[in-house]
Amino acid sequence: MKATNAWVLILLGITCFVTGKQVSAQRNPLVLPFTQPFFYKLHPDSAFSMLKDKMNGYIQEKDEKGQATCLQQMGQLFFRLGSYSQAVDHLLQADKIFRRTGSASLAGNLNILGTVYYYNQQREQARLQFNEALGINQQTQNTAGMAETFGLIGHMHEKLLHYDSSFHYQRKALYYALAAKDTVITAKTYENLGSIYEDQAEYDSAHFYFLRSLEAYQATGRVVEQVEVLNNLGDVWRKRGNFEKGMYYARQAADLAMITGEKYQLQSAYRDISQNFLGIGLADSAYTYLEKSRELVQAIYSIENSYQIGVLQTLYDTEKKNAQIENLNTARKANKVLSWASIIILVMIAVMATLVIKHQKLKIRNEKTVNQALVKVHETEKGLMESELKRQQLEENSLKEQLDIKSRQLSSHLLHLIQKNEVMEELRQGLDSIIRDDKRDQKKQVRQLLQTINGSFTQDSYWEEFRLIFDKVHPSFVTGLQATYASLTGGDIRLLTLIKMNLAPSDMSTLLGVTPDSLRVQRYRVKKKLGLGQDDSLAGFVQSLV
């Protein structure tokens, strides 16, 4: 009995290995269903011929959307047969059309293309397709599309044994699938979550999610998917050591697979039944079902090979026929082209000879006209430049005259101020001498007169008039000082304007009504406010200001 069990185990291992290698494309957990599911039930070469006929019709109608859909379905068909290079070629052709037409089907096509790349061991390319599909679905707020793509990314991580990442993406997929109320994607996501838990030997959780998946598939009428989930449930019970329960689900899967004609699911169910018999200790029964499973694997392998050969033969015949038709059309077109070309060449020679003669005449005439126009343009531009130069000279002369007038007005006003202050100074000195006189009865009146004269030195009317004229000559001088040096007083500003006018210190003393010593003290204080050193020239600093 032990020897028999050992042989059964060896055969089971070989069968699992062969099954995984030979028909991996048939049972593909990442594969999306056909856009039109009835193609799945057809013989592959018949399905391919039908798609080719539809493709030709769409080409004649110039229906790019129909062409892209046919190319996508052809890609799925080749993928189902394990011909990955042909699948990628057709899916990429569909991708170009979807991109050119801005079709909403682009994201779905990227999901299928990513799946093919993954099973062709091109995982980086696969992830690029999934990422782009996810971006499109997020941009268009397609929750069902996001759920589908997250599920594909999560399942890829599961197969790479990245269980934390797989859980993360599958939970996102479940969230969006429930939000979209898409029962099929929800069922697939439950199945994927169950598979993760099964891989980690958390059989209670795996059983829970597989049951949820089965209920969802039953609600949608997806029979083939139900068979796969039943097989998964049987595996979970068998791994928990409950071979009776495992046998129950495996037989359910086998019965449903026979009804639907799903040979791959049937051989998987037979293999599971064999493992359950082996667990119970019925090695003979285990061997019987293992043989049935192995025979089905061989049958599936032969059928898939014949399907692939049939499709490739159909593809070859179609392309050969198209090439022959194209060659005939090309030859017919070539004959027509040659005949018409001979006639056209003779006509063209005559026409070209006439055109060359006319062209030369027209060229000479045009060159003459262009030269004349250029001369006129040059003369016009020269006249405009001379006029502009004269205008600028006149404007410059006018500005100079205005500046001279303002400067003369300013000088005249300063002269007037100096003369006025000199007269007032003489009056003040005369009155001061009267005060020193012994005539006591006139002192009070003279003192009042003297106070009135002294008060006139502080009046700002002349200074305001001077300031208006000064600002016209130096518009930004005073405002610039006030903005930069806020501590300057009105008296400081007057002193700086007089320095800007290059007046002598004696004239400044007269205008400001102060003694030369007071003027020196005021200049020193202003230098400190301006931040100038002892050796710095106040006059030089003021003259450097604009």
Protein backbone atom coordinates (compact mmCIF):
# COMPACT_ATOMS: atom_id res chain seq x y z
CA MET A 1 0.00 0.00 0.00
CA LYS A 2 2.84 2.40 0.89
CA ALA A 3 4.54 1.73 -2.44
CA THR A 4 1.27 2.40 -4.29
CA ASN A 5 0.79 5.67 -2.40
CA ALA A 6 4.32 6.69 -3.27
CA TRP A 7 3.75 6.06 -6.98
CA VAL A 8 0.48 7.99 -6.86
CA LEU A 9 2.27 10.94 -5.24
CA ILE A 10 4.97 10.85 -7.91
CA LEU A 11 2.38 10.78 -10.68
CA LEU A 12 0.49 13.63 -9.03
CA GLY A 13 3.63 15.73 -8.97
CA ILE A 14 4.40 14.97 -12.61
CA THR A 15 0.80 15.71 -13.64
CA CYS A 16 0.82 19.05 -11.79
CA PHE A 17 4.10 19.97 -13.42
CA VAL A 18 2.94 19.03 -16.93
CA THR A 19 -0.40 20.73 -16.39
CA GLY A 20 1.22 23.98 -15.36
CA LYS A 21 3.58 23.93 -18.36
CA GLN A 22 1.22 22.79 -21.08
CA VAL A 23 -2.01 24.63 -20.45
CA SER A 24 -1.05 27.65 -18.39
CA ALA A 25 -2.68 29.95 -20.91
CA GLN A 26 -5.96 28.07 -20.66
CA ARG A 27 -6.32 28.56 -16.89
CA ASN A 28 -5.08 32.09 -16.50
CA PRO A 29 -6.27 33.94 -13.38
CA LEU A 30 -5.30 37.28 -14.86
CA VAL A 31 -6.98 36.81 -18.21
CA LEU A 32 -9.94 39.05 -18.98
CA PRO A 33 -13.02 37.60 -20.66
CA PHE A 34 -13.50 38.05 -24.39
CA THR A 35 -15.16 41.34 -25.33
CA GLN A 36 -17.80 39.19 -27.04
CA PRO A 37 -17.94 35.96 -24.95
CA PHE A 38 -19.53 33.83 -27.69
CA PHE A 39 -16.15 33.72 -29.46
CA TYR A 40 -14.85 31.70 -26.52
CA LYS A 41 -17.25 28.87 -27.36
CA LEU A 42 -16.24 28.69 -31.03
CA HIS A 43 -13.50 26.51 -32.46
CA PRO A 44 -10.44 28.84 -32.43
CA ASP A 45 -9.84 28.74 -36.21
CA SER A 46 -13.56 29.39 -36.79
CA ALA A 47 -13.45 32.27 -34.33
CA PHE A 48 -10.34 33.65 -36.04
CA SER A 49 -11.97 33.37 -39.50
CA MET A 50 -15.07 35.15 -38.21
CA LEU A 51 -12.94 37.91 -36.72
CA LYS A 52 -11.00 38.25 -39.98
CA ASP A 53 -14.24 38.59 -41.95
CA LYS A 54 -15.51 41.22 -39.52
CA MET A 55 -12.14 42.98 -39.72
CA ASN A 56 -12.33 43.19 -43.53
CA GLY A 57 -15.84 44.60 -43.27
CA TYR A 58 -14.73 47.26 -40.78
CA ILE A 59 -11.80 48.18 -43.04
CA GLN A 60 -14.14 48.72 -46.00
CA GLU A 61 -16.49 50.77 -43.82
CA LYS A 62 -13.47 52.69 -42.39
CA ASP A 63 -14.73 51.88 -38.90
CA GLU A 64 -11.59 52.23 -36.78
CA LYS A 65 -13.35 51.34 -33.53
CA GLY A 66 -14.55 48.04 -35.02
CA GLN A 67 -11.06 47.31 -36.37
CA ALA A 68 -9.48 47.91 -32.96
CA THR A 69 -12.04 45.67 -31.25
CA CYS A 70 -11.35 42.82 -33.74
CA LEU A 71 -7.60 43.19 -33.25
CA GLN A 72 -8.09 43.08 -29.48
CA GLN A 73 -10.18 39.89 -29.73
CA MET A 74 -7.59 38.30 -32.03
CA GLY A 75 -4.93 39.13 -29.45
CA GLN A 76 -7.00 37.46 -26.74
CA LEU A 77 -7.51 34.41 -28.95
CA PHE A 78 -3.76 34.05 -29.59
CA PHE A 79 -3.09 34.48 -25.87
CA ARG A 80 -5.59 31.72 -25.06
CA LEU A 81 -3.64 29.47 -27.44
CA GLY A 82 -0.31 30.42 -25.81
CA SER A 83 1.00 32.31 -28.85
CA TYR A 84 2.23 35.34 -26.93
CA SER A 85 4.16 37.10 -29.72
CA GLN A 86 1.09 37.05 -32.02
CA ALA A 87 -1.07 38.21 -29.11
CA VAL A 88 1.22 41.17 -28.36
CA ASP A 89 1.36 42.12 -32.05
CA HIS A 90 -2.44 42.28 -32.43
CA LEU A 91 -2.96 44.03 -29.09
CA LEU A 92 -0.35 46.68 -29.98
CA GLN A 93 -2.13 47.31 -33.29
CA ALA A 94 -5.37 47.79 -31.34
CA ASP A 95 -3.50 50.07 -28.91
CA LYS A 96 -2.43 52.41 -31.74
CA ILE A 97 -6.00 52.77 -33.01
CA PHE A 98 -7.44 53.29 -29.52
CA ARG A 99 -4.87 56.03 -28.87
CA ARG A 100 -5.42 57.71 -32.22
CA THR A 101 -9.21 57.78 -31.81
CA GLY A 102 -9.16 58.61 -28.08
CA SER A 103 -11.25 55.53 -27.32
CA ALA A 104 -12.38 54.71 -23.79
CA SER A 105 -11.40 51.08 -24.51
CA LEU A 106 -7.70 51.92 -24.28
CA ALA A 107 -7.46 51.14 -20.55
CA GLY A 108 -9.06 47.70 -20.98
CA ASN A 109 -6.71 46.90 -23.84
CA LEU A 110 -3.72 47.92 -21.69
CA ASN A 111 -4.91 45.51 -18.99
CA ILE A 112 -5.00 42.64 -21.50
CA LEU A 113 -1.62 43.61 -22.94
CA GLY A 114 -0.11 43.77 -19.44
CA THR A 115 -1.45 40.29 -18.72
CA VAL A 116 0.21 38.89 -21.85
CA TYR A 117 3.51 40.55 -20.95
CA TYR A 118 3.30 39.06 -17.44
CA TYR A 119 2.82 35.51 -18.73
CA ASN A 120 5.62 36.06 -21.23
CA GLN A 121 7.93 36.78 -18.25
CA GLN A 122 8.11 40.52 -19.08
CA ARG A 123 7.00 41.76 -15.68
CA GLU A 124 8.34 45.31 -15.99
CA GLN A 125 6.47 45.79 -19.26
CA ALA A 126 3.37 44.31 -17.67
CA ARG A 127 3.49 46.76 -14.77
CA LEU A 128 3.94 49.71 -17.16
CA GLN A 129 0.73 48.72 -18.97
CA PHE A 130 -1.18 48.28 -15.70
CA ASN A 131 0.05 51.65 -14.38
CA GLU A 132 -1.03 53.47 -17.55
CA ALA A 133 -4.42 51.74 -17.49
CA LEU A 134 -4.85 52.73 -13.84
CA GLY A 135 -3.99 56.36 -14.64
CA ILE A 136 -6.58 56.48 -17.44
CA ASN A 137 -9.27 54.90 -15.23
CA GLN A 138 -8.52 57.36 -12.42
CA GLN A 139 -8.62 60.29 -14.81
CA THR A 140 -11.98 59.21 -16.24
CA GLN A 141 -13.25 58.19 -12.76
CA ASN A 142 -14.02 54.70 -14.05
CA THR A 143 -14.41 52.84 -10.74
CA ALA A 144 -15.00 49.46 -12.39
CA GLY A 145 -11.86 49.95 -14.48
CA MET A 146 -9.84 50.91 -11.38
CA ALA A 147 -11.09 47.79 -9.58
CA GLU A 148 -10.10 45.60 -12.52
CA THR A 149 -6.59 47.10 -12.78
CA PHE A 150 -5.94 47.01 -9.03
CA GLY A 151 -6.98 43.34 -9.08
CA LEU A 152 -4.52 42.55 -11.87
CA ILE A 153 -1.65 44.34 -10.10
CA GLY A 154 -2.50 42.58 -6.83
CA HIS A 155 -2.62 39.16 -8.46
CA MET A 156 0.76 39.77 -10.10
CA HIS A 157 2.22 40.56 -6.66
CA GLU A 158 0.68 37.37 -5.30
CA LYS A 159 2.43 35.27 -7.94
CA LEU A 160 5.70 37.05 -6.99
CA LEU A 161 4.98 36.10 -3.32
CA HIS A 162 4.65 39.78 -2.35
CA TYR A 163 1.65 39.10 -0.13
CA ASP A 164 1.53 42.47 1.67
CA SER A 165 1.44 44.34 -1.64
CA SER A 166 -1.04 41.84 -3.03
CA PHE A 167 -3.41 42.38 -0.06
CA HIS A 168 -3.07 46.16 -0.49
CA TYR A 169 -4.08 46.15 -4.15
CA GLN A 170 -6.79 43.49 -3.80
CA ARG A 171 -8.48 45.45 -1.02
CA LYS A 172 -8.41 48.53 -3.22
CA ALA A 173 -9.89 46.44 -6.03
CA LEU A 174 -12.67 45.21 -3.73
CA TYR A 175 -13.46 48.76 -2.59
CA TYR A 176 -13.87 50.07 -6.15
CA ALA A 177 -15.67 46.94 -7.38
CA LEU A 178 -18.29 47.29 -4.65
CA ALA A 179 -18.55 51.03 -5.36
CA ALA A 180 -19.11 50.28 -9.05
CA LYS A 181 -21.59 47.49 -8.17
CA ASP A 182 -19.79 45.24 -10.66
CA THR A 183 -20.58 41.71 -9.49
CA VAL A 184 -18.15 39.95 -11.87
CA ILE A 185 -15.12 42.00 -10.76
CA THR A 186 -16.24 41.67 -7.13
CA ALA A 187 -16.40 37.87 -7.51
CA LYS A 188 -12.93 37.77 -9.09
CA THR A 189 -11.51 39.95 -6.29
CA TYR A 190 -13.01 37.68 -3.63
CA GLU A 191 -11.42 34.72 -5.42
CA ASN A 192 -8.02 36.49 -5.52
CA LEU A 193 -8.22 37.28 -1.77
CA GLY A 194 -9.09 33.65 -1.07
CA SER A 195 -6.09 32.55 -3.12
CA ILE A 196 -3.75 34.79 -1.06
CA TYR A 197 -5.06 33.37 2.20
CA GLU A 198 -4.76 29.82 0.83
CA ASP A 199 -1.10 30.47 -0.12
CA GLN A 200 -0.47 31.59 3.46
CA ALA A 201 -2.28 28.55 4.89
CA GLU A 202 -4.99 30.74 6.47
CA TYR A 203 -7.71 28.32 5.37
CA ASP A 204 -10.65 29.81 7.34
CA SER A 205 -10.22 33.18 5.64
CA ALA A 206 -9.58 31.51 2.28
CA HIS A 207 -12.81 29.47 2.67
CA PHE A 208 -14.76 32.64 3.55
CA TYR A 209 -13.63 34.56 0.44
CA PHE A 210 -14.01 31.59 -1.92
CA LEU A 211 -17.61 31.17 -0.74
CA ARG A 212 -18.30 34.89 -1.33
CA SER A 213 -16.77 34.53 -4.80
CA LEU A 214 -18.92 31.47 -5.59
CA GLU A 215 -22.10 33.28 -4.53
CA ALA A 216 -21.23 36.29 -6.71
CA TYR A 217 -20.47 34.09 -9.76
CA GLN A 218 -23.73 32.19 -9.23
CA ALA A 219 -25.58 35.52 -9.20
CA THR A 220 -24.05 36.46 -12.57
CA GLY A 221 -24.46 33.03 -14.20
CA ARG A 222 -20.70 32.64 -14.80
CA VAL A 223 -20.49 28.84 -14.88
CA VAL A 224 -16.83 28.35 -15.87
CA GLU A 225 -15.68 30.60 -13.05
CA GLN A 226 -17.89 28.67 -10.62
CA VAL A 227 -16.05 25.46 -11.51
CA GLU A 228 -12.70 27.05 -10.70
CA VAL A 229 -13.92 28.38 -7.34
CA LEU A 230 -15.42 24.98 -6.46
CA ASN A 231 -12.03 23.42 -7.15
CA ASN A 232 -10.43 26.04 -4.88
CA LEU A 233 -12.92 25.27 -2.08
CA GLY A 234 -12.11 21.58 -2.44
CA ASP A 235 -8.39 22.36 -2.17
CA VAL A 236 -8.96 24.36 1.02
CA TRP A 237 -10.88 21.52 2.72
CA ARG A 238 -8.33 18.95 1.56
CA LYS A 239 -5.44 21.01 2.93
CA ARG A 240 -7.29 21.29 6.23
CA GLY A 241 -7.42 17.47 6.32
CA ASN A 242 -11.18 17.20 5.70
CA PHE A 243 -11.04 14.94 2.65
CA GLU A 244 -14.80 14.24 2.63
CA LYS A 245 -15.54 17.97 2.24
CA GLY A 246 -12.74 18.28 -0.27
CA MET A 247 -14.22 15.38 -2.24
CA TYR A 248 -17.68 17.00 -2.12
CA TYR A 249 -16.52 20.23 -3.77
CA ALA A 250 -14.21 18.45 -6.20
CA ARG A 251 -17.08 16.25 -7.46
CA GLN A 252 -19.32 19.33 -7.78
CA ALA A 253 -16.63 20.97 -9.86
CA ALA A 254 -16.26 17.84 -12.01
CA ASP A 255 -20.02 17.57 -12.64
CA LEU A 256 -20.29 21.23 -13.62
CA ALA A 257 -17.17 21.00 -15.82
CA MET A 258 -18.65 18.00 -17.71
CA ILE A 259 -21.90 19.92 -18.29
CA THR A 260 -20.06 22.94 -19.67
CA GLY A 261 -17.47 20.91 -21.58
CA GLU A 262 -14.58 22.63 -19.78
CA LYS A 263 -11.88 19.98 -20.15
CA TYR A 264 -9.23 21.87 -18.24
CA GLN A 265 -11.46 22.39 -15.21
CA LEU A 266 -12.52 18.74 -15.45
CA GLN A 267 -8.93 17.47 -15.37
CA SER A 268 -8.24 19.82 -12.44
CA ALA A 269 -11.26 18.40 -10.62
CA TYR A 270 -10.11 14.82 -11.36
CA ARG A 271 -6.69 15.65 -9.97
CA ASP A 272 -8.28 17.07 -6.80
CA ILE A 273 -10.51 13.96 -6.46
CA SER A 274 -7.39 11.82 -6.80
CA GLN A 275 -5.65 13.76 -4.03
CA ASN A 276 -8.68 13.39 -1.76
CA PHE A 277 -8.83 9.62 -2.39
CA LEU A 278 -5.15 9.46 -1.56
CA GLY A 279 -5.80 11.34 1.67
CA ILE A 280 -8.55 8.91 2.61
CA GLY A 281 -6.20 6.02 1.87
CA LEU A 282 -7.89 4.69 -1.30
CA ALA A 283 -4.81 4.57 -3.49
CA ASP A 284 -6.49 2.58 -6.29
CA SER A 285 -9.24 5.16 -6.70
CA ALA A 286 -6.65 7.94 -6.44
CA TYR A 287 -4.64 6.33 -9.24
CA THR A 288 -7.77 5.90 -11.41
CA TYR A 289 -8.70 9.58 -11.22
CA LEU A 290 -5.09 10.62 -11.61
CA GLU A 291 -4.97 8.66 -14.87
CA LYS A 292 -8.17 10.38 -15.98
CA SER A 293 -6.60 13.74 -15.19
CA ARG A 294 -3.39 12.84 -17.04
CA GLU A 295 -5.36 11.63 -20.09
CA LEU A 296 -7.29 14.88 -20.14
CA VAL A 297 -4.03 16.85 -19.90
CA GLN A 298 -2.72 15.03 -22.95
CA ALA A 299 -6.02 15.53 -24.74
CA ILE A 300 -6.04 19.24 -23.89
CA TYR A 301 -2.44 19.57 -25.00
CA SER A 302 -3.25 17.87 -28.33
CA ILE A 303 -6.38 19.95 -28.82
CA GLU A 304 -4.60 23.18 -28.00
CA ASN A 305 -1.81 22.28 -30.43
CA SER A 306 -4.31 21.51 -33.16
CA TYR A 307 -6.18 24.73 -32.39
CA GLN A 308 -2.97 26.72 -32.55
CA ILE A 309 -1.91 25.07 -35.79
CA GLY A 310 -5.40 25.63 -37.22
CA VAL A 311 -5.40 29.31 -36.30
CA LEU A 312 -1.89 29.83 -37.59
CA GLN A 313 -2.80 27.97 -40.80
CA THR A 314 -5.89 30.15 -41.15
CA LEU A 315 -3.76 33.22 -40.51
CA TYR A 316 -1.21 32.05 -43.08
CA ASP A 317 -3.90 31.24 -45.68
CA THR A 318 -5.61 34.55 -45.09
CA GLU A 319 -2.38 36.51 -45.36
CA LYS A 320 -1.37 34.50 -48.44
CA LYS A 321 -4.74 35.17 -50.07
CA ASN A 322 -4.55 38.83 -49.16
CA ALA A 323 -1.01 38.98 -50.54
CA GLN A 324 -2.13 37.41 -53.84
CA ILE A 325 -5.04 39.81 -54.13
CA GLU A 326 -2.73 42.68 -53.28
CA ASN A 327 -0.21 41.54 -55.89
CA LEU A 328 -2.92 41.32 -58.57
CA ASN A 329 -4.24 44.72 -57.63
CA THR A 330 -0.73 46.10 -57.59
CA ALA A 331 0.03 44.67 -61.05
CA ARG A 332 -3.25 46.03 -62.45
CA LYS A 333 -2.58 49.39 -60.92
CA ALA A 334 0.99 49.32 -62.23
CA ASN A 335 -0.20 48.74 -65.82
CA LYS A 336 -2.66 51.57 -65.54
CA VAL A 337 -0.04 53.76 -63.99
CA LEU A 338 2.44 53.02 -66.78
CA SER A 339 -0.10 53.81 -69.49
CA TRP A 340 -1.21 56.99 -67.90
CA ALA A 341 2.35 57.87 -66.96
CA SER A 342 3.45 57.75 -70.61
CA ILE A 343 0.64 60.09 -71.63
CA ILE A 344 1.18 62.35 -68.67
CA ILE A 345 4.94 62.55 -69.26
CA LEU A 346 4.43 63.70 -72.87
CA VAL A 347 1.87 66.27 -71.82
CA MET A 348 4.07 67.39 -68.95
CA ILE A 349 7.07 67.88 -71.25
CA ALA A 350 5.02 70.18 -73.48
CA VAL A 351 3.46 71.98 -70.54
CA MET A 352 6.79 72.34 -68.77
CA ALA A 353 8.45 73.81 -71.86
CA THR A 354 5.69 76.40 -72.07
CA LEU A 355 5.80 77.05 -68.34
CA VAL A 356 9.58 77.48 -68.31
CA ILE A 357 9.41 80.15 -70.99
CA LYS A 358 6.58 81.95 -69.24
CA HIS A 359 8.30 81.55 -65.91
CA GLN A 360 11.49 83.18 -67.13
CA LYS A 361 9.55 86.13 -68.55
CA LEU A 362 7.53 86.45 -65.38
CA LYS A 363 10.67 86.13 -63.26
CA ILE A 364 12.39 88.99 -65.11
CA ARG A 365 9.28 91.15 -64.82
CA ASN A 366 8.87 90.36 -61.13
CA GLU A 367 12.51 91.05 -60.36
CA LYS A 368 12.23 94.43 -62.03
CA THR A 369 9.06 95.23 -60.08
CA VAL A 370 10.64 94.05 -56.84
CA ASN A 371 13.75 96.16 -57.40
CA GLN A 372 11.65 99.23 -58.08
CA ALA A 373 9.60 98.57 -54.98
CA LEU A 374 12.75 98.10 -52.89
CA VAL A 375 14.14 101.43 -54.13
CA LYS A 376 10.89 103.16 -53.17
CA VAL A 377 10.86 101.47 -49.79
CA HIS A 378 14.47 102.50 -49.21
CA GLU A 379 13.73 106.10 -50.13
CA THR A 380 10.65 106.12 -47.93
CA GLU A 381 12.56 104.67 -44.99
CA LYS A 382 15.36 107.19 -45.53
CA GLY A 383 12.85 110.06 -45.53
CA LEU A 384 11.18 108.72 -42.38
CA MET A 385 14.53 108.35 -40.62
CA GLU A 386 15.51 111.91 -41.53
CA SER A 387 12.15 113.21 -40.32
CA GLU A 388 12.50 111.28 -37.06
CA LEU A 389 16.04 112.58 -36.58
CA LYS A 390 14.86 116.17 -37.10
CA ARG A 391 11.99 115.64 -34.70
CA GLN A 392 14.35 114.27 -32.05
CA GLN A 393 16.74 117.19 -32.55
CA LEU A 394 13.88 119.69 -32.21
CA GLU A 395 12.63 117.90 -29.11
CA GLU A 396 16.14 117.89 -27.62
CA ASN A 397 16.59 121.61 -28.35
CA SER A 398 13.19 122.33 -26.82
CA LEU A 399 14.09 120.40 -23.65
CA LYS A 400 17.41 122.24 -23.42
CA GLU A 401 15.66 125.60 -23.78
CA GLN A 402 13.13 124.62 -21.09
CA LEU A 403 15.96 123.53 -18.78
CA ASP A 404 17.81 126.80 -19.39
CA ILE A 405 14.65 128.77 -18.65
CA LYS A 406 14.07 126.83 -15.41
CA SER A 407 17.71 127.28 -14.40
CA ARG A 408 17.52 131.02 -15.10
CA GLN A 409 14.30 131.25 -13.12
CA LEU A 410 15.91 129.39 -10.25
CA SER A 411 19.03 131.56 -10.33
CA SER A 412 16.91 134.70 -10.55
CA HIS A 413 14.84 133.57 -7.59
CA LEU A 414 17.93 132.78 -5.57
CA LEU A 415 19.36 136.20 -6.43
CA HIS A 416 16.12 137.79 -5.32
CA LEU A 417 16.23 135.85 -2.05
CA ILE A 418 19.84 136.85 -1.46
CA GLN A 419 19.10 140.52 -2.15
CA LYS A 420 16.03 140.44 0.08
CA ASN A 421 17.97 138.83 2.92
CA GLU A 422 20.83 141.35 2.50
CA VAL A 423 18.39 144.24 2.78
CA MET A 424 16.81 142.66 5.82
CA GLU A 425 20.24 142.12 7.33
CA GLU A 426 21.07 145.82 6.86
CA LEU A 427 17.77 146.80 8.48
CA ARG A 428 18.45 144.47 11.37
CA GLN A 429 21.92 145.89 11.90
CA GLY A 430 20.58 149.49 11.73
CA LEU A 431 17.84 148.79 14.16
CA ASP A 432 20.26 147.02 16.43
CA SER A 433 22.41 150.16 16.55
CA ILE A 434 19.34 152.24 17.43
CA ILE A 435 18.65 149.93 20.36
CA ARG A 436 22.13 150.54 21.67
CA ASP A 437 21.43 154.29 21.60
CA ASP A 438 20.52 155.99 24.88
CA LYS A 439 17.08 157.08 23.69
CA ARG A 440 15.12 154.85 26.00
CA ASP A 441 11.69 155.99 24.82
CA GLN A 442 12.20 154.48 21.30
CA LYS A 443 13.56 151.14 22.38
CA LYS A 444 10.22 149.43 22.80
CA GLN A 445 8.95 150.30 19.32
CA VAL A 446 12.27 149.56 17.66
CA ARG A 447 12.45 146.21 19.44
CA GLN A 448 8.98 145.29 18.11
CA LEU A 449 10.06 146.31 14.60
CA LEU A 450 13.19 144.22 14.97
CA GLN A 451 11.14 141.18 16.06
CA THR A 452 8.94 141.62 12.97
CA ILE A 453 11.99 141.72 10.68
CA ASN A 454 13.52 138.69 12.41
CA GLY A 455 10.26 136.82 11.92
CA SER A 456 10.40 137.50 8.19
CA PHE A 457 13.59 135.40 8.00
CA THR A 458 11.62 132.33 8.98
CA GLN A 459 8.74 132.79 6.60
CA ASP A 460 8.45 130.04 4.03
CA SER A 461 6.66 131.80 1.19
CA TYR A 462 9.84 132.51 -0.73
CA TRP A 463 11.15 129.07 0.12
CA GLU A 464 7.99 127.39 -1.13
CA GLU A 465 8.25 129.26 -4.42
CA PHE A 466 11.92 128.34 -4.62
CA ARG A 467 11.07 124.68 -3.85
CA LEU A 468 8.53 124.51 -6.70
CA ILE A 469 11.07 125.82 -9.23
CA PHE A 470 13.85 123.60 -7.78
CA ASP A 471 11.67 120.45 -8.06
CA LYS A 472 11.06 121.14 -11.73
CA VAL A 473 14.82 121.25 -12.38
CA HIS A 474 15.66 118.36 -10.00
CA PRO A 475 12.36 116.43 -9.71
CA SER A 476 13.54 113.48 -7.62
CA PHE A 477 16.22 115.12 -5.43
CA VAL A 478 14.12 116.15 -2.41
CA THR A 479 11.74 113.16 -2.48
CA GLY A 480 14.69 110.79 -2.75
CA LEU A 481 16.39 112.34 0.29
CA GLN A 482 13.20 112.25 2.36
CA ALA A 483 12.54 108.62 1.44
CA THR A 484 16.10 107.49 2.25
CA TYR A 485 16.89 109.72 5.24
CA ALA A 486 13.72 110.20 7.26
CA SER A 487 15.55 112.08 10.07
CA LEU A 488 16.28 115.16 7.86
CA THR A 489 14.38 118.31 8.93
CA GLY A 490 13.01 121.05 6.71
CA GLY A 491 16.05 123.20 7.48
CA ASP A 492 18.36 120.30 6.53
CA ILE A 493 16.56 119.93 3.20
CA ARG A 494 16.94 123.70 2.49
CA LEU A 495 20.66 123.51 3.20
CA LEU A 496 21.08 120.50 0.87
CA THR A 497 19.16 122.24 -1.95
CA LEU A 498 21.42 125.29 -1.64
CA ILE A 499 24.49 123.02 -1.76
CA LYS A 500 23.02 121.38 -4.87
CA MET A 501 22.87 124.91 -6.41
CA ASN A 502 26.65 125.30 -5.76
CA LEU A 503 26.13 128.47 -3.69
CA ALA A 504 28.96 129.97 -1.67
CA PRO A 505 28.81 129.51 2.14
CA SER A 506 28.31 133.26 2.61
CA ASP A 507 25.26 133.22 0.32
CA MET A 508 23.92 130.20 2.17
CA SER A 509 24.30 132.00 5.51
CA THR A 510 22.46 134.99 4.12
CA LEU A 511 19.60 132.88 2.66
CA LEU A 512 19.22 130.76 5.79
CA GLY A 513 19.55 133.76 8.09
CA VAL A 514 22.31 132.21 10.19
CA THR A 515 25.90 133.09 11.01
CA PRO A 516 28.78 131.29 9.24
CA ASP A 517 29.55 129.43 12.48
CA SER A 518 25.94 128.23 12.76
CA LEU A 519 26.11 127.14 9.11
CA ARG A 520 29.21 125.03 9.82
CA VAL A 521 27.49 123.37 12.78
CA GLN A 522 24.40 122.65 10.67
CA ARG A 523 26.56 121.13 7.88
CA TYR A 524 28.25 118.88 10.45
CA ARG A 525 24.88 117.66 11.81
CA VAL A 526 23.58 116.96 8.30
CA LYS A 527 26.71 114.90 7.48
CA LYS A 528 26.05 112.74 10.55
CA LYS A 529 22.41 112.20 9.54
CA LEU A 530 23.56 111.17 6.05
CA GLY A 531 26.04 108.70 7.53
CA LEU A 532 29.11 110.50 6.07
CA GLY A 533 32.55 110.31 7.64
CA GLN A 534 34.62 113.24 8.82
CA ASP A 535 36.75 113.16 5.69
CA ASP A 536 33.78 112.75 3.30
CA SER A 537 32.72 115.77 1.26
CA LEU A 538 29.10 116.84 1.82
CA ALA A 539 29.10 118.88 -1.41
CA GLY A 540 30.49 115.94 -3.39
CA PHE A 541 27.85 113.60 -1.94
CA VAL A 542 25.01 116.03 -2.75
CA GLN A 543 26.22 116.59 -6.31
CA SER A 544 26.29 112.78 -6.89
CA LEU A 545 22.55 112.57 -6.14
CA VAL A 546 20.19 112.83 -9.08
